[in-house]
Amino acid sequence: MKTKPNILLIDDDELYLYLMEKTIKQLSNELVVSTFTDGEQAVEYIERCTEDNVELPEVIFLDINMPFLDGWGFLNEFKKLKPKIINSINIYMVSSSMREIDVKRASNFEELTGYVIKPVTKVELAEIFEKIYHENW
């Protein structure tokens, strides 16, 4: 039986994905991390999970700027899939952009739990996981 992922990282920067996964593993060996380098792959993965009744991750860290399907496109596709999704998913937009237009646009998506500026620190990740996993953290 395949282990179900708890964390989903969606970013086209493979070095960032490696560092985030490593930092998450330092915080907890209990968390399983899956990574995708574009939003389209992640949407297809979520579609397959909903069709196969596989539990989805509790947390998604989503980059804005990616080739193929960017973070905004992913959120629009995620909205369409939302009726099929049973569990609660916390999506954090992760970007190096502090531009007010991006922060404001992000606030228009009720699917987003938060907006985090890169690089995400170990302390910030611990705070996010504490909010989500409460007593199990």
C-alpha atoms as a PDB file:
ATOM      1  CA  MET A   1       0.000   0.000   0.000  1.00  0.00           C
ATOM      2  CA  LYS A   2       1.309   3.398  -1.018  1.00  0.00           C
ATOM      3  CA  THR A   3       1.923   5.997   1.682  1.00  0.00           C
ATOM      4  CA  LYS A   4      -0.407   8.936   1.357  1.00  0.00           C
ATOM      5  CA  PRO A   5       1.292  12.314   0.983  1.00  0.00           C
ATOM      6  CA  ASN A   6       0.710  14.957   3.614  1.00  0.00           C
ATOM      7  CA  ILE A   7       2.493  17.850   1.907  1.00  0.00           C
ATOM      8  CA  LEU A   8       2.443  18.879  -1.749  1.00  0.00           C
ATOM      9  CA  LEU A   9       5.091  21.263  -3.118  1.00  0.00           C
ATOM     10  CA  ILE A  10       4.379  22.874  -6.498  1.00  0.00           C
ATOM     11  CA  ASP A  11       7.250  24.949  -7.851  1.00  0.00           C
ATOM     12  CA  ASP A  12       9.354  24.970 -11.029  1.00  0.00           C
ATOM     13  CA  ASP A  13      12.592  25.600  -9.099  1.00  0.00           C
ATOM     14  CA  GLU A  14      14.044  22.159  -8.382  1.00  0.00           C
ATOM     15  CA  LEU A  15      16.626  23.522  -5.928  1.00  0.00           C
ATOM     16  CA  TYR A  16      13.837  25.196  -3.952  1.00  0.00           C
ATOM     17  CA  LEU A  17      11.858  21.919  -3.953  1.00  0.00           C
ATOM     18  CA  TYR A  18      14.899  20.037  -2.668  1.00  0.00           C
ATOM     19  CA  LEU A  19      15.574  22.568   0.098  1.00  0.00           C
ATOM     20  CA  MET A  20      11.918  22.724   1.162  1.00  0.00           C
ATOM     21  CA  GLU A  21      11.634  18.948   1.280  1.00  0.00           C
ATOM     22  CA  LYS A  22      14.840  18.720   3.309  1.00  0.00           C
ATOM     23  CA  THR A  23      13.624  21.406   5.749  1.00  0.00           C
ATOM     24  CA  ILE A  24      10.251  19.694   6.162  1.00  0.00           C
ATOM     25  CA  LYS A  25      11.982  16.371   6.871  1.00  0.00           C
ATOM     26  CA  GLN A  26      14.111  18.120   9.539  1.00  0.00           C
ATOM     27  CA  LEU A  27      10.898  19.257  11.232  1.00  0.00           C
ATOM     28  CA  SER A  28       9.207  15.857  11.122  1.00  0.00           C
ATOM     29  CA  ASN A  29       9.895  12.406   9.740  1.00  0.00           C
ATOM     30  CA  GLU A  30       6.143  11.766   9.845  1.00  0.00           C
ATOM     31  CA  LEU A  31       5.366  14.106   6.954  1.00  0.00           C
ATOM     32  CA  VAL A  32       5.488  12.686   3.447  1.00  0.00           C
ATOM     33  CA  VAL A  33       6.318  15.205   0.715  1.00  0.00           C
ATOM     34  CA  SER A  34       5.324  15.021  -2.950  1.00  0.00           C
ATOM     35  CA  THR A  35       6.650  17.531  -5.481  1.00  0.00           C
ATOM     36  CA  PHE A  36       5.546  18.816  -8.877  1.00  0.00           C
ATOM     37  CA  THR A  37       7.346  21.271 -11.134  1.00  0.00           C
ATOM     38  CA  ASP A  38       4.220  22.759 -12.700  1.00  0.00           C
ATOM     39  CA  GLY A  39       0.603  23.339 -11.803  1.00  0.00           C
ATOM     40  CA  GLU A  40      -0.726  21.119 -14.587  1.00  0.00           C
ATOM     41  CA  GLN A  41       1.000  18.021 -13.155  1.00  0.00           C
ATOM     42  CA  ALA A  42      -0.378  18.841  -9.708  1.00  0.00           C
ATOM     43  CA  VAL A  43      -3.940  19.285 -11.012  1.00  0.00           C
ATOM     44  CA  GLU A  44      -3.714  15.911 -12.788  1.00  0.00           C
ATOM     45  CA  TYR A  45      -2.455  14.325  -9.569  1.00  0.00           C
ATOM     46  CA  ILE A  46      -5.352  15.795  -7.552  1.00  0.00           C
ATOM     47  CA  GLU A  47      -7.850  14.644 -10.209  1.00  0.00           C
ATOM     48  CA  ARG A  48      -6.450  11.089 -10.014  1.00  0.00           C
ATOM     49  CA  CYS A  49      -6.635  11.142  -6.213  1.00  0.00           C
ATOM     50  CA  THR A  50     -10.287  12.232  -6.255  1.00  0.00           C
ATOM     51  CA  GLU A  51     -11.170   9.595  -8.871  1.00  0.00           C
ATOM     52  CA  ASP A  52      -9.348   6.829  -6.969  1.00  0.00           C
ATOM     53  CA  ASN A  53     -10.564   7.981  -3.522  1.00  0.00           C
ATOM     54  CA  VAL A  54      -6.992   8.552  -2.350  1.00  0.00           C
ATOM     55  CA  GLU A  55      -6.649  10.973   0.532  1.00  0.00           C
ATOM     56  CA  LEU A  56      -5.250  14.304  -0.581  1.00  0.00           C
ATOM     57  CA  PRO A  57      -2.522  16.250   1.229  1.00  0.00           C
ATOM     58  CA  GLU A  58      -3.465  18.548   4.086  1.00  0.00           C
ATOM     59  CA  VAL A  59      -1.036  21.234   2.888  1.00  0.00           C
ATOM     60  CA  ILE A  60      -0.055  22.571  -0.523  1.00  0.00           C
ATOM     61  CA  PHE A  61       2.744  25.098  -1.005  1.00  0.00           C
ATOM     62  CA  LEU A  62       2.115  26.732  -4.387  1.00  0.00           C
ATOM     63  CA  ASP A  63       4.437  28.979  -6.417  1.00  0.00           C
ATOM     64  CA  ILE A  64       2.928  31.785  -8.513  1.00  0.00           C
ATOM     65  CA  ASN A  65       5.296  31.882 -11.491  1.00  0.00           C
ATOM     66  CA  MET A  66       5.661  28.561 -13.288  1.00  0.00           C
ATOM     67  CA  PRO A  67       5.648  27.452 -16.930  1.00  0.00           C
ATOM     68  CA  PHE A  68       2.613  25.665 -18.398  1.00  0.00           C
ATOM     69  CA  LEU A  69       0.107  26.281 -15.586  1.00  0.00           C
ATOM     70  CA  ASP A  70       1.083  28.923 -13.041  1.00  0.00           C
ATOM     71  CA  GLY A  71      -0.190  29.277  -9.472  1.00  0.00           C
ATOM     72  CA  TRP A  72      -3.209  31.347 -10.515  1.00  0.00           C
ATOM     73  CA  GLY A  73      -4.153  28.777 -13.153  1.00  0.00           C
ATOM     74  CA  PHE A  74      -3.747  25.984 -10.608  1.00  0.00           C
ATOM     75  CA  LEU A  75      -6.125  27.776  -8.225  1.00  0.00           C
ATOM     76  CA  ASN A  76      -8.726  28.190 -10.975  1.00  0.00           C
ATOM     77  CA  GLU A  77      -8.509  24.469 -11.808  1.00  0.00           C
ATOM     78  CA  PHE A  78      -8.565  23.561  -8.107  1.00  0.00           C
ATOM     79  CA  LYS A  79     -11.840  25.505  -7.718  1.00  0.00           C
ATOM     80  CA  LYS A  80     -13.412  23.229 -10.347  1.00  0.00           C
ATOM     81  CA  LEU A  81     -12.223  20.115  -8.480  1.00  0.00           C
ATOM     82  CA  LYS A  82     -13.261  21.385  -5.044  1.00  0.00           C
ATOM     83  CA  PRO A  83     -16.730  19.742  -5.058  1.00  0.00           C
ATOM     84  CA  LYS A  84     -15.044  16.323  -5.418  1.00  0.00           C
ATOM     85  CA  ILE A  85     -12.601  16.948  -2.556  1.00  0.00           C
ATOM     86  CA  ILE A  86     -13.632  15.584   0.829  1.00  0.00           C
ATOM     87  CA  ASN A  87     -10.793  16.550   3.140  1.00  0.00           C
ATOM     88  CA  SER A  88      -9.706  20.055   4.069  1.00  0.00           C
ATOM     89  CA  ILE A  89      -6.673  21.329   2.164  1.00  0.00           C
ATOM     90  CA  ASN A  90      -4.587  24.303   3.294  1.00  0.00           C
ATOM     91  CA  ILE A  91      -3.049  26.063   0.298  1.00  0.00           C
ATOM     92  CA  TYR A  92      -0.249  28.544   0.854  1.00  0.00           C
ATOM     93  CA  MET A  93       0.822  30.735  -2.048  1.00  0.00           C
ATOM     94  CA  VAL A  94       4.602  30.914  -1.837  1.00  0.00           C
ATOM     95  CA  SER A  95       6.315  33.617  -3.863  1.00  0.00           C
ATOM     96  CA  SER A  96       9.281  35.917  -3.942  1.00  0.00           C
ATOM     97  CA  SER A  97       6.835  38.631  -5.033  1.00  0.00           C
ATOM     98  CA  MET A  98       5.904  41.180  -2.409  1.00  0.00           C
ATOM     99  CA  ARG A  99       4.034  43.188  -5.024  1.00  0.00           C
ATOM    100  CA  GLU A 100       0.758  44.510  -3.661  1.00  0.00           C
ATOM    101  CA  ILE A 101      -1.067  43.393  -6.822  1.00  0.00           C
ATOM    102  CA  ASP A 102      -0.094  39.734  -6.193  1.00  0.00           C
ATOM    103  CA  VAL A 103      -0.986  39.858  -2.499  1.00  0.00           C
ATOM    104  CA  LYS A 104      -4.338  41.486  -3.335  1.00  0.00           C
ATOM    105  CA  ARG A 105      -5.061  38.964  -6.100  1.00  0.00           C
ATOM    106  CA  ALA A 106      -4.266  36.116  -3.703  1.00  0.00           C
ATOM    107  CA  SER A 107      -6.740  37.503  -1.173  1.00  0.00           C
ATOM    108  CA  ASN A 108      -9.512  37.020  -3.759  1.00  0.00           C
ATOM    109  CA  PHE A 109      -9.085  33.226  -3.602  1.00  0.00           C
ATOM    110  CA  GLU A 110     -11.007  31.732  -0.678  1.00  0.00           C
ATOM    111  CA  GLU A 111      -9.098  28.503  -1.362  1.00  0.00           C
ATOM    112  CA  LEU A 112      -5.880  30.109  -0.082  1.00  0.00           C
ATOM    113  CA  THR A 113      -4.994  29.752   3.578  1.00  0.00           C
ATOM    114  CA  GLY A 114      -2.091  32.185   3.373  1.00  0.00           C
ATOM    115  CA  TYR A 115       0.554  34.027   1.358  1.00  0.00           C
ATOM    116  CA  VAL A 116       4.185  33.362   2.279  1.00  0.00           C
ATOM    117  CA  ILE A 117       7.260  35.176   0.977  1.00  0.00           C
ATOM    118  CA  LYS A 118      10.246  33.106  -0.207  1.00  0.00           C
ATOM    119  CA  PRO A 119      12.500  31.891   1.173  1.00  0.00           C
ATOM    120  CA  VAL A 120      10.274  30.098   3.689  1.00  0.00           C
ATOM    121  CA  THR A 121      12.146  29.638   6.953  1.00  0.00           C
ATOM    122  CA  LYS A 122      12.101  26.583   9.179  1.00  0.00           C
ATOM    123  CA  VAL A 123      10.363  28.689  11.855  1.00  0.00           C
ATOM    124  CA  GLU A 124       7.614  29.748   9.416  1.00  0.00           C
ATOM    125  CA  LEU A 125       7.087  26.134   8.346  1.00  0.00           C
ATOM    126  CA  ALA A 126       6.888  25.009  11.976  1.00  0.00           C
ATOM    127  CA  GLU A 127       4.256  27.700  12.675  1.00  0.00           C
ATOM    128  CA  ILE A 128       2.215  26.631   9.638  1.00  0.00           C
ATOM    129  CA  PHE A 129       2.357  22.948  10.614  1.00  0.00           C
ATOM    130  CA  GLU A 130       1.457  23.788  14.214  1.00  0.00           C
ATOM    131  CA  LYS A 131      -1.692  25.610  13.010  1.00  0.00           C
ATOM    132  CA  ILE A 132      -2.695  22.709  10.778  1.00  0.00           C
ATOM    133  CA  TYR A 133      -1.741  19.668  12.840  1.00  0.00           C
ATOM    134  CA  HIS A 134      -2.451  21.216  16.295  1.00  0.00           C
ATOM    135  CA  GLU A 135      -2.037  18.598  19.005  1.00  0.00           C
ATOM    136  CA  ASN A 136      -0.328  16.139  16.659  1.00  0.00           C
ATOM    137  CA  TRP A 137       2.564  18.506  16.050  1.00  0.00           C
END
